[in-house]
Full PDB file with SEQRES, HELIX, SHEET, SSBOND, CRYST1, ORIGX, SCALE, CONECT and MASTER records, all heavy atoms in Angstrom:
SEQRES   1 A   39  VAL SER ARG LEU GLN VAL GLY ALA PHE GLY THR LEU GLY          
SEQRES   2 A   39  LEU LEU LEU SER ILE SER VAL ARG LEU LEU PRO ARG PRO          
SEQRES   3 A   39  GLU ALA GLU GLN THR ARG VAL PHE GLU LEU THR ALA SER          
HELIX    1 AA1 ARG A    3  GLN A    5  5                                   3    
CRYST1    1.000    1.000    1.000  90.00  90.00  90.00 P 1           1          
ORIGX1      1.000000  0.000000  0.000000        0.00000                         
ORIGX2      0.000000  1.000000  0.000000        0.00000                         
ORIGX3      0.000000  0.000000  1.000000        0.00000                         
SCALE1      1.000000  0.000000  0.000000        0.00000                         
SCALE2      0.000000  1.000000  0.000000        0.00000                         
SCALE3      0.000000  0.000000  1.000000        0.00000                         
ATOM      1  N   VAL A   1     -16.511   5.251   5.917  1.00  0.00           N  
ATOM      2  CA  VAL A   1     -15.774   6.179   6.775  1.00  0.00           C  
ATOM      3  C   VAL A   1     -14.369   5.676   7.072  1.00  0.00           C  
ATOM      4  O   VAL A   1     -13.430   6.468   7.188  1.00  0.00           O  
ATOM      5  CB  VAL A   1     -16.556   6.436   8.081  1.00  0.00           C  
ATOM      6  CG1 VAL A   1     -15.749   7.308   9.034  1.00  0.00           C  
ATOM      7  CG2 VAL A   1     -17.880   7.110   7.766  1.00  0.00           C  
ATOM      8  N   SER A   2     -14.205   4.361   7.187  1.00  0.00           N  
ATOM      9  CA  SER A   2     -12.872   3.848   7.501  1.00  0.00           C  
ATOM     10  C   SER A   2     -11.869   4.241   6.428  1.00  0.00           C  
ATOM     11  O   SER A   2     -10.722   4.588   6.730  1.00  0.00           O  
ATOM     12  CB  SER A   2     -12.918   2.330   7.670  1.00  0.00           C  
ATOM     13  OG  SER A   2     -13.432   1.703   6.507  1.00  0.00           O  
ATOM     14  N   ARG A   3     -12.297   4.239   5.177  1.00  0.00           N  
ATOM     15  CA  ARG A   3     -11.368   4.588   4.095  1.00  0.00           C  
ATOM     16  C   ARG A   3     -11.176   6.096   3.959  1.00  0.00           C  
ATOM     17  O   ARG A   3     -10.190   6.534   3.355  1.00  0.00           O  
ATOM     18  CB  ARG A   3     -11.850   3.985   2.777  1.00  0.00           C  
ATOM     19  CG  ARG A   3     -11.860   2.463   2.817  1.00  0.00           C  
ATOM     20  CD  ARG A   3     -12.191   1.843   1.488  1.00  0.00           C  
ATOM     21  NE  ARG A   3     -12.238   0.384   1.597  1.00  0.00           N  
ATOM     22  CZ  ARG A   3     -12.351  -0.430   0.568  1.00  0.00           C  
ATOM     23  NH1 ARG A   3     -12.443   0.056  -0.659  1.00  0.00           N  
ATOM     24  NH2 ARG A   3     -12.385  -1.733   0.745  1.00  0.00           N  
ATOM     25  N   LEU A   4     -12.082   6.875   4.512  1.00  0.00           N  
ATOM     26  CA  LEU A   4     -11.871   8.321   4.520  1.00  0.00           C  
ATOM     27  C   LEU A   4     -10.638   8.701   5.336  1.00  0.00           C  
ATOM     28  O   LEU A   4     -10.030   9.759   5.129  1.00  0.00           O  
ATOM     29  CB  LEU A   4     -13.085   9.038   5.109  1.00  0.00           C  
ATOM     30  CG  LEU A   4     -14.316   9.211   4.224  1.00  0.00           C  
ATOM     31  CD1 LEU A   4     -15.434   9.860   5.028  1.00  0.00           C  
ATOM     32  CD2 LEU A   4     -13.999  10.033   2.995  1.00  0.00           C  
ATOM     33  N   GLN A   5     -10.262   7.831   6.276  1.00  0.00           N  
ATOM     34  CA  GLN A   5      -9.104   8.127   7.123  1.00  0.00           C  
ATOM     35  C   GLN A   5      -7.787   8.003   6.361  1.00  0.00           C  
ATOM     36  O   GLN A   5      -6.773   8.539   6.782  1.00  0.00           O  
ATOM     37  CB  GLN A   5      -9.091   7.190   8.330  1.00  0.00           C  
ATOM     38  CG  GLN A   5     -10.359   7.203   9.155  1.00  0.00           C  
ATOM     39  CD  GLN A   5     -10.686   8.576   9.704  1.00  0.00           C  
ATOM     40  OE1 GLN A   5      -9.790   9.300  10.147  1.00  0.00           O  
ATOM     41  NE2 GLN A   5     -11.950   8.949   9.673  1.00  0.00           N  
ATOM     42  N   VAL A   6      -7.809   7.272   5.247  1.00  0.00           N  
ATOM     43  CA  VAL A   6      -6.583   7.059   4.473  1.00  0.00           C  
ATOM     44  C   VAL A   6      -6.174   8.365   3.797  1.00  0.00           C  
ATOM     45  O   VAL A   6      -6.923   8.942   3.018  1.00  0.00           O  
ATOM     46  CB  VAL A   6      -6.787   5.951   3.421  1.00  0.00           C  
ATOM     47  CG1 VAL A   6      -5.516   5.780   2.587  1.00  0.00           C  
ATOM     48  CG2 VAL A   6      -7.176   4.650   4.095  1.00  0.00           C  
ATOM     49  N   GLY A   7      -4.987   8.833   4.121  1.00  0.00           N  
ATOM     50  CA  GLY A   7      -4.492  10.077   3.539  1.00  0.00           C  
ATOM     51  C   GLY A   7      -5.011  11.328   4.207  1.00  0.00           C  
ATOM     52  O   GLY A   7      -4.700  12.433   3.765  1.00  0.00           O  
ATOM     53  N   ALA A   8      -5.790  11.193   5.297  1.00  0.00           N  
ATOM     54  CA  ALA A   8      -6.333  12.369   5.982  1.00  0.00           C  
ATOM     55  C   ALA A   8      -5.337  12.984   6.952  1.00  0.00           C  
ATOM     56  O   ALA A   8      -5.587  14.039   7.519  1.00  0.00           O  
ATOM     57  CB  ALA A   8      -7.612  11.999   6.731  1.00  0.00           C  
ATOM     58  N   PHE A   9      -4.198  12.356   7.168  1.00  0.00           N  
ATOM     59  CA  PHE A   9      -3.157  12.846   8.069  1.00  0.00           C  
ATOM     60  C   PHE A   9      -3.721  13.216   9.442  1.00  0.00           C  
ATOM     61  O   PHE A   9      -3.327  14.209  10.042  1.00  0.00           O  
ATOM     62  CB  PHE A   9      -2.423  14.040   7.449  1.00  0.00           C  
ATOM     63  CG  PHE A   9      -1.291  13.634   6.542  1.00  0.00           C  
ATOM     64  CD1 PHE A   9      -1.514  13.354   5.198  1.00  0.00           C  
ATOM     65  CD2 PHE A   9       0.005  13.518   7.026  1.00  0.00           C  
ATOM     66  CE1 PHE A   9      -0.474  12.959   4.353  1.00  0.00           C  
ATOM     67  CE2 PHE A   9       1.051  13.135   6.195  1.00  0.00           C  
ATOM     68  CZ  PHE A   9       0.816  12.849   4.854  1.00  0.00           C  
ATOM     69  N   GLY A  10      -4.662  12.419   9.927  1.00  0.00           N  
ATOM     70  CA  GLY A  10      -5.172  12.609  11.275  1.00  0.00           C  
ATOM     71  C   GLY A  10      -6.151  13.733  11.462  1.00  0.00           C  
ATOM     72  O   GLY A  10      -6.571  14.011  12.588  1.00  0.00           O  
ATOM     73  N   THR A  11      -6.564  14.397  10.394  1.00  0.00           N  
ATOM     74  CA  THR A  11      -7.485  15.536  10.544  1.00  0.00           C  
ATOM     75  C   THR A  11      -8.936  15.100  10.712  1.00  0.00           C  
ATOM     76  O   THR A  11      -9.783  15.927  11.044  1.00  0.00           O  
ATOM     77  CB  THR A  11      -7.388  16.472   9.326  1.00  0.00           C  
ATOM     78  OG1 THR A  11      -7.694  15.733   8.129  1.00  0.00           O  
ATOM     79  CG2 THR A  11      -5.986  17.071   9.198  1.00  0.00           C  
ATOM     80  N   LEU A  12      -9.232  13.825  10.477  1.00  0.00           N  
ATOM     81  CA  LEU A  12     -10.603  13.338  10.630  1.00  0.00           C  
ATOM     82  C   LEU A  12     -10.749  12.384  11.807  1.00  0.00           C  
ATOM     83  O   LEU A  12     -11.779  11.739  11.959  1.00  0.00           O  
ATOM     84  CB  LEU A  12     -11.074  12.635   9.354  1.00  0.00           C  
ATOM     85  CG  LEU A  12     -11.139  13.486   8.095  1.00  0.00           C  
ATOM     86  CD1 LEU A  12     -11.643  12.666   6.922  1.00  0.00           C  
ATOM     87  CD2 LEU A  12     -12.031  14.707   8.313  1.00  0.00           C  
ATOM     88  N   GLY A  13      -9.735  12.280  12.629  1.00  0.00           N  
ATOM     89  CA  GLY A  13      -9.821  11.408  13.787  1.00  0.00           C  
ATOM     90  C   GLY A  13      -8.461  10.888  14.191  1.00  0.00           C  
ATOM     91  O   GLY A  13      -7.549  10.756  13.363  1.00  0.00           O  
ATOM     92  N   LEU A  14      -8.334  10.594  15.475  1.00  0.00           N  
ATOM     93  CA  LEU A  14      -7.125   9.968  15.999  1.00  0.00           C  
ATOM     94  C   LEU A  14      -7.304   8.460  15.866  1.00  0.00           C  
ATOM     95  O   LEU A  14      -8.125   7.854  16.564  1.00  0.00           O  
ATOM     96  CB  LEU A  14      -6.928  10.351  17.472  1.00  0.00           C  
ATOM     97  CG  LEU A  14      -5.856   9.589  18.231  1.00  0.00           C  
ATOM     98  CD1 LEU A  14      -4.482   9.854  17.642  1.00  0.00           C  
ATOM     99  CD2 LEU A  14      -5.887   9.946  19.709  1.00  0.00           C  
ATOM    100  N   LEU A  15      -6.578   7.851  14.956  1.00  0.00           N  
ATOM    101  CA  LEU A  15      -6.706   6.418  14.731  1.00  0.00           C  
ATOM    102  C   LEU A  15      -6.239   5.645  15.960  1.00  0.00           C  
ATOM    103  O   LEU A  15      -5.159   5.901  16.502  1.00  0.00           O  
ATOM    104  CB  LEU A  15      -5.892   6.000  13.515  1.00  0.00           C  
ATOM    105  CG  LEU A  15      -6.442   6.448  12.158  1.00  0.00           C  
ATOM    106  CD1 LEU A  15      -5.439   6.164  11.049  1.00  0.00           C  
ATOM    107  CD2 LEU A  15      -7.758   5.751  11.860  1.00  0.00           C  
ATOM    108  N   LEU A  16      -7.065   4.689  16.393  1.00  0.00           N  
ATOM    109  CA  LEU A  16      -6.738   3.846  17.539  1.00  0.00           C  
ATOM    110  C   LEU A  16      -6.384   2.428  17.107  1.00  0.00           C  
ATOM    111  O   LEU A  16      -5.440   1.830  17.617  1.00  0.00           O  
ATOM    112  CB  LEU A  16      -7.908   3.818  18.519  1.00  0.00           C  
ATOM    113  CG  LEU A  16      -8.289   5.179  19.119  1.00  0.00           C  
ATOM    114  CD1 LEU A  16      -9.556   5.059  19.951  1.00  0.00           C  
ATOM    115  CD2 LEU A  16      -7.140   5.731  19.958  1.00  0.00           C  
ATOM    116  N   SER A  17      -7.134   1.877  16.178  1.00  0.00           N  
ATOM    117  CA  SER A  17      -6.816   0.553  15.643  1.00  0.00           C  
ATOM    118  C   SER A  17      -7.324   0.466  14.214  1.00  0.00           C  
ATOM    119  O   SER A  17      -8.253   1.190  13.826  1.00  0.00           O  
ATOM    120  CB  SER A  17      -7.426  -0.560  16.498  1.00  0.00           C  
ATOM    121  OG  SER A  17      -8.835  -0.527  16.443  1.00  0.00           O  
ATOM    122  N   ILE A  18      -6.711  -0.431  13.451  1.00  0.00           N  
ATOM    123  CA  ILE A  18      -7.055  -0.588  12.044  1.00  0.00           C  
ATOM    124  C   ILE A  18      -7.095  -2.068  11.709  1.00  0.00           C  
ATOM    125  O   ILE A  18      -6.214  -2.837  12.135  1.00  0.00           O  
ATOM    126  CB  ILE A  18      -6.020   0.105  11.123  1.00  0.00           C  
ATOM    127  CG1 ILE A  18      -5.865   1.584  11.487  1.00  0.00           C  
ATOM    128  CG2 ILE A  18      -6.423  -0.032   9.669  1.00  0.00           C  
ATOM    129  CD1 ILE A  18      -4.617   1.883  12.283  1.00  0.00           C  
ATOM    130  N   SER A  19      -8.100  -2.475  10.943  1.00  0.00           N  
ATOM    131  CA  SER A  19      -8.170  -3.828  10.392  1.00  0.00           C  
ATOM    132  C   SER A  19      -7.829  -3.750   8.915  1.00  0.00           C  
ATOM    133  O   SER A  19      -8.391  -2.927   8.185  1.00  0.00           O  
ATOM    134  CB  SER A  19      -9.576  -4.423  10.555  1.00  0.00           C  
ATOM    135  OG  SER A  19      -9.901  -4.596  11.918  1.00  0.00           O  
ATOM    136  N   VAL A  20      -6.904  -4.579   8.477  1.00  0.00           N  
ATOM    137  CA  VAL A  20      -6.488  -4.558   7.074  1.00  0.00           C  
ATOM    138  C   VAL A  20      -6.498  -5.982   6.516  1.00  0.00           C  
ATOM    139  O   VAL A  20      -6.263  -6.954   7.226  1.00  0.00           O  
ATOM    140  CB  VAL A  20      -5.086  -3.946   6.887  1.00  0.00           C  
ATOM    141  CG1 VAL A  20      -5.074  -2.484   7.282  1.00  0.00           C  
ATOM    142  CG2 VAL A  20      -4.041  -4.712   7.681  1.00  0.00           C  
ATOM    143  N   ARG A  21      -6.784  -6.063   5.239  1.00  0.00           N  
ATOM    144  CA  ARG A  21      -6.708  -7.352   4.561  1.00  0.00           C  
ATOM    145  C   ARG A  21      -5.263  -7.599   4.149  1.00  0.00           C  
ATOM    146  O   ARG A  21      -4.480  -6.659   3.933  1.00  0.00           O  
ATOM    147  CB  ARG A  21      -7.632  -7.394   3.343  1.00  0.00           C  
ATOM    148  CG  ARG A  21      -7.175  -6.548   2.164  1.00  0.00           C  
ATOM    149  CD  ARG A  21      -8.058  -6.764   0.946  1.00  0.00           C  
ATOM    150  NE  ARG A  21      -7.595  -5.957  -0.182  1.00  0.00           N  
ATOM    151  CZ  ARG A  21      -6.707  -6.372  -1.072  1.00  0.00           C  
ATOM    152  NH1 ARG A  21      -6.175  -7.581  -0.959  1.00  0.00           N  
ATOM    153  NH2 ARG A  21      -6.340  -5.595  -2.073  1.00  0.00           N  
ATOM    154  N   LEU A  22      -4.905  -8.851   4.014  1.00  0.00           N  
ATOM    155  CA  LEU A  22      -3.543  -9.255   3.702  1.00  0.00           C  
ATOM    156  C   LEU A  22      -3.507 -10.045   2.402  1.00  0.00           C  
ATOM    157  O   LEU A  22      -4.549 -10.393   1.842  1.00  0.00           O  
ATOM    158  CB  LEU A  22      -2.983 -10.112   4.844  1.00  0.00           C  
ATOM    159  CG  LEU A  22      -3.135  -9.525   6.251  1.00  0.00           C  
ATOM    160  CD1 LEU A  22      -2.757 -10.568   7.291  1.00  0.00           C  
ATOM    161  CD2 LEU A  22      -2.284  -8.268   6.402  1.00  0.00           C  
ATOM    162  N   LEU A  23      -2.306 -10.339   1.937  1.00  0.00           N  
ATOM    163  CA  LEU A  23      -2.109 -11.208   0.780  1.00  0.00           C  
ATOM    164  C   LEU A  23      -1.068 -12.267   1.133  1.00  0.00           C  
ATOM    165  O   LEU A  23      -0.161 -12.017   1.945  1.00  0.00           O  
ATOM    166  CB  LEU A  23      -1.623 -10.412  -0.427  1.00  0.00           C  
ATOM    167  CG  LEU A  23      -2.632  -9.531  -1.156  1.00  0.00           C  
ATOM    168  CD1 LEU A  23      -1.945  -8.797  -2.300  1.00  0.00           C  
ATOM    169  CD2 LEU A  23      -3.809 -10.344  -1.677  1.00  0.00           C  
ATOM    170  N   PRO A  24      -1.170 -13.428   0.511  1.00  0.00           N  
ATOM    171  CA  PRO A  24      -0.109 -14.427   0.696  1.00  0.00           C  
ATOM    172  C   PRO A  24       1.206 -13.920   0.106  1.00  0.00           C  
ATOM    173  O   PRO A  24       1.211 -13.248  -0.933  1.00  0.00           O  
ATOM    174  CB  PRO A  24      -0.619 -15.642  -0.086  1.00  0.00           C  
ATOM    175  CG  PRO A  24      -2.090 -15.411  -0.258  1.00  0.00           C  
ATOM    176  CD  PRO A  24      -2.266 -13.929  -0.331  1.00  0.00           C  
ATOM    177  N   ARG A  25       2.292 -14.234   0.773  1.00  0.00           N  
ATOM    178  CA  ARG A  25       3.603 -13.878   0.225  1.00  0.00           C  
ATOM    179  C   ARG A  25       3.850 -14.722  -1.021  1.00  0.00           C  
ATOM    180  O   ARG A  25       3.593 -15.934  -1.012  1.00  0.00           O  
ATOM    181  CB  ARG A  25       4.684 -14.129   1.273  1.00  0.00           C  
ATOM    182  CG  ARG A  25       6.081 -13.658   0.872  1.00  0.00           C  
ATOM    183  CD  ARG A  25       7.007 -13.736   2.059  1.00  0.00           C  
ATOM    184  NE  ARG A  25       6.640 -12.721   3.050  1.00  0.00           N  
ATOM    185  CZ  ARG A  25       7.069 -11.467   3.040  1.00  0.00           C  
ATOM    186  NH1 ARG A  25       7.868 -11.054   2.053  1.00  0.00           N  
ATOM    187  NH2 ARG A  25       6.698 -10.623   3.973  1.00  0.00           N  
ATOM    188  N   PRO A  26       4.301 -14.120  -2.116  1.00  0.00           N  
ATOM    189  CA  PRO A  26       4.497 -14.889  -3.357  1.00  0.00           C  
ATOM    190  C   PRO A  26       5.520 -16.006  -3.176  1.00  0.00           C  
ATOM    191  O   PRO A  26       6.508 -15.846  -2.457  1.00  0.00           O  
ATOM    192  CB  PRO A  26       4.956 -13.839  -4.365  1.00  0.00           C  
ATOM    193  CG  PRO A  26       5.420 -12.688  -3.555  1.00  0.00           C  
ATOM    194  CD  PRO A  26       4.642 -12.698  -2.292  1.00  0.00           C  
ATOM    195  N   GLU A  27       5.270 -17.084  -3.876  1.00  0.00           N  
ATOM    196  CA  GLU A  27       6.163 -18.244  -3.808  1.00  0.00           C  
ATOM    197  C   GLU A  27       7.527 -17.924  -4.392  1.00  0.00           C  
ATOM    198  O   GLU A  27       8.565 -18.401  -3.905  1.00  0.00           O  
ATOM    199  CB  GLU A  27       5.513 -19.401  -4.575  1.00  0.00           C  
ATOM    200  CG  GLU A  27       6.330 -20.661  -4.670  1.00  0.00           C  
ATOM    201  CD  GLU A  27       5.653 -21.720  -5.525  1.00  0.00           C  
ATOM    202  OE1 GLU A  27       4.407 -21.701  -5.623  1.00  0.00           O  
ATOM    203  OE2 GLU A  27       6.369 -22.549  -6.106  1.00  0.00           O  
ATOM    204  N   ALA A  28       7.549 -17.111  -5.433  1.00  0.00           N  
ATOM    205  CA  ALA A  28       8.806 -16.781  -6.108  1.00  0.00           C  
ATOM    206  C   ALA A  28       8.791 -15.318  -6.531  1.00  0.00           C  
ATOM    207  O   ALA A  28       7.725 -14.717  -6.715  1.00  0.00           O  
ATOM    208  CB  ALA A  28       9.012 -17.675  -7.325  1.00  0.00           C  
ATOM    209  N   GLU A  29       9.976 -14.766  -6.670  1.00  0.00           N  
ATOM    210  CA  GLU A  29      10.092 -13.362  -7.098  1.00  0.00           C  
ATOM    211  C   GLU A  29      11.370 -13.222  -7.910  1.00  0.00           C  
ATOM    212  O   GLU A  29      12.399 -13.823  -7.579  1.00  0.00           O  
ATOM    213  CB  GLU A  29      10.106 -12.434  -5.885  1.00  0.00           C  
ATOM    214  CG  GLU A  29       9.803 -10.994  -6.216  1.00  0.00           C  
ATOM    215  CD  GLU A  29       9.390 -10.220  -4.955  1.00  0.00           C  
ATOM    216  OE1 GLU A  29      10.296  -9.702  -4.282  1.00  0.00           O  
ATOM    217  OE2 GLU A  29       8.182 -10.170  -4.658  1.00  0.00           O  
ATOM    218  N   GLN A  30      11.291 -12.427  -8.965  1.00  0.00           N  
ATOM    219  CA  GLN A  30      12.446 -12.237  -9.843  1.00  0.00           C  
ATOM    220  C   GLN A  30      12.379 -10.833 -10.442  1.00  0.00           C  
ATOM    221  O   GLN A  30      11.304 -10.311 -10.718  1.00  0.00           O  
ATOM    222  CB  GLN A  30      12.428 -13.298 -10.961  1.00  0.00           C  
ATOM    223  CG  GLN A  30      13.707 -13.349 -11.769  1.00  0.00           C  
ATOM    224  CD  GLN A  30      13.699 -14.477 -12.790  1.00  0.00           C  
ATOM    225  OE1 GLN A  30      14.268 -14.345 -13.869  1.00  0.00           O  
ATOM    226  NE2 GLN A  30      13.043 -15.592 -12.469  1.00  0.00           N  
ATOM    227  N   THR A  31      13.540 -10.219 -10.630  1.00  0.00           N  
ATOM    228  CA  THR A  31      13.616  -8.892 -11.236  1.00  0.00           C  
ATOM    229  C   THR A  31      14.394  -8.967 -12.542  1.00  0.00           C  
ATOM    230  O   THR A  31      15.469  -9.578 -12.610  1.00  0.00           O  
ATOM    231  CB  THR A  31      14.308  -7.891 -10.286  1.00  0.00           C  
ATOM    232  OG1 THR A  31      13.554  -7.790  -9.080  1.00  0.00           O  
ATOM    233  CG2 THR A  31      14.404  -6.511 -10.925  1.00  0.00           C  
ATOM    234  N   ARG A  32      13.830  -8.344 -13.563  1.00  0.00           N  
ATOM    235  CA  ARG A  32      14.475  -8.255 -14.871  1.00  0.00           C  
ATOM    236  C   ARG A  32      14.819  -6.798 -15.144  1.00  0.00           C  
ATOM    237  O   ARG A  32      14.089  -5.885 -14.747  1.00  0.00           O  
ATOM    238  CB  ARG A  32      13.562  -8.786 -15.983  1.00  0.00           C  
ATOM    239  CG  ARG A  32      12.934 -10.130 -15.714  1.00  0.00           C  
ATOM    240  CD  ARG A  32      13.964 -11.220 -15.521  1.00  0.00           C  
ATOM    241  NE  ARG A  32      14.740 -11.483 -16.748  1.00  0.00           N  
ATOM    242  CZ  ARG A  32      15.676 -12.419 -16.835  1.00  0.00           C  
ATOM    243  NH1 ARG A  32      15.978 -13.164 -15.768  1.00  0.00           N  
ATOM    244  NH2 ARG A  32      16.315 -12.606 -17.969  1.00  0.00           N  
ATOM    245  N   VAL A  33      15.930  -6.573 -15.848  1.00  0.00           N  
ATOM    246  CA  VAL A  33      16.412  -5.221 -16.130  1.00  0.00           C  
ATOM    247  C   VAL A  33      16.569  -5.040 -17.635  1.00  0.00           C  
ATOM    248  O   VAL A  33      17.072  -5.933 -18.332  1.00  0.00           O  
ATOM    249  CB  VAL A  33      17.750  -4.943 -15.433  1.00  0.00           C  
ATOM    250  CG1 VAL A  33      18.145  -3.476 -15.616  1.00  0.00           C  
ATOM    251  CG2 VAL A  33      17.668  -5.284 -13.954  1.00  0.00           C  
ATOM    252  N   PHE A  34      16.159  -3.847 -18.119  1.00  0.00           N  
ATOM    253  CA  PHE A  34      16.210  -3.535 -19.539  1.00  0.00           C  
ATOM    254  C   PHE A  34      16.864  -2.160 -19.727  1.00  0.00           C  
ATOM    255  O   PHE A  34      16.592  -1.232 -18.959  1.00  0.00           O  
ATOM    256  CB  PHE A  34      14.801  -3.504 -20.146  1.00  0.00           C  
ATOM    257  CG  PHE A  34      14.011  -4.762 -19.920  1.00  0.00           C  
ATOM    258  CD1 PHE A  34      13.348  -4.961 -18.716  1.00  0.00           C  
ATOM    259  CD2 PHE A  34      13.941  -5.732 -20.898  1.00  0.00           C  
ATOM    260  CE1 PHE A  34      12.610  -6.120 -18.495  1.00  0.00           C  
ATOM    261  CE2 PHE A  34      13.208  -6.889 -20.688  1.00  0.00           C  
ATOM    262  CZ  PHE A  34      12.542  -7.094 -19.482  1.00  0.00           C  
ATOM    263  N   GLU A  35      17.690  -2.024 -20.742  1.00  0.00           N  
ATOM    264  CA  GLU A  35      18.281  -0.737 -21.099  1.00  0.00           C  
ATOM    265  C   GLU A  35      17.326  -0.035 -22.057  1.00  0.00           C  
ATOM    266  O   GLU A  35      17.231  -0.393 -23.235  1.00  0.00           O  
ATOM    267  CB  GLU A  35      19.654  -0.943 -21.755  1.00  0.00           C  
ATOM    268  CG  GLU A  35      20.669  -1.672 -20.897  1.00  0.00           C  
ATOM    269  CD  GLU A  35      21.181  -0.811 -19.750  1.00  0.00           C  
ATOM    270  OE1 GLU A  35      21.091   0.441 -19.854  1.00  0.00           O  
ATOM    271  OE2 GLU A  35      21.651  -1.385 -18.758  1.00  0.00           O  
ATOM    272  N   LEU A  36      16.591   0.967 -21.564  1.00  0.00           N  
ATOM    273  CA  LEU A  36      15.560   1.643 -22.352  1.00  0.00           C  
ATOM    274  C   LEU A  36      15.468   3.108 -21.955  1.00  0.00           C  
ATOM    275  O   LEU A  36      15.757   3.476 -20.815  1.00  0.00           O  
ATOM    276  CB  LEU A  36      14.179   0.993 -22.101  1.00  0.00           C  
ATOM    277  CG  LEU A  36      13.992  -0.484 -22.483  1.00  0.00           C  
ATOM    278  CD1 LEU A  36      12.683  -0.990 -21.886  1.00  0.00           C  
ATOM    279  CD2 LEU A  36      14.002  -0.641 -23.993  1.00  0.00           C  
ATOM    280  N   THR A  37      15.059   3.941 -22.903  1.00  0.00           N  
ATOM    281  CA  THR A  37      14.730   5.320 -22.555  1.00  0.00           C  
ATOM    282  C   THR A  37      13.419   5.315 -21.770  1.00  0.00           C  
ATOM    283  O   THR A  37      12.690   4.303 -21.742  1.00  0.00           O  
ATOM    284  CB  THR A  37      14.556   6.192 -23.803  1.00  0.00           C  
ATOM    285  OG1 THR A  37      13.394   5.741 -24.521  1.00  0.00           O  
ATOM    286  CG2 THR A  37      15.782   6.119 -24.702  1.00  0.00           C  
ATOM    287  N   ALA A  38      13.091   6.438 -21.153  1.00  0.00           N  
ATOM    288  CA  ALA A  38      11.860   6.517 -20.377  1.00  0.00           C  
ATOM    289  C   ALA A  38      10.635   6.269 -21.258  1.00  0.00           C  
ATOM    290  O   ALA A  38       9.719   5.525 -20.878  1.00  0.00           O  
ATOM    291  CB  ALA A  38      11.754   7.877 -19.696  1.00  0.00           C  
ATOM    292  N   SER A  39      10.597   6.859 -22.428  1.00  0.00           N  
ATOM    293  CA  SER A  39       9.451   6.679 -23.322  1.00  0.00           C  
ATOM    294  C   SER A  39       9.335   5.230 -23.774  1.00  0.00           C  
ATOM    295  O   SER A  39       8.236   4.665 -23.838  1.00  0.00           O  
ATOM    296  CB  SER A  39       9.579   7.601 -24.541  1.00  0.00           C  
ATOM    297  OG  SER A  39       9.511   8.957 -24.148  1.00  0.00           O  
TER     298      SER A  39                                                      
MASTER        0    0    0    1    0    0    0    6  297    1    0    3          
END                                                                             
């Protein structure tokens, strides 16, 4: 039932509190760019 609330826009209940799992922040991050068509 807790996951039924996701995307329900409040139609299945007024959310009061939520417990969520977390992830460690990555040690490093980098972005690469390529010149390509969409396909």
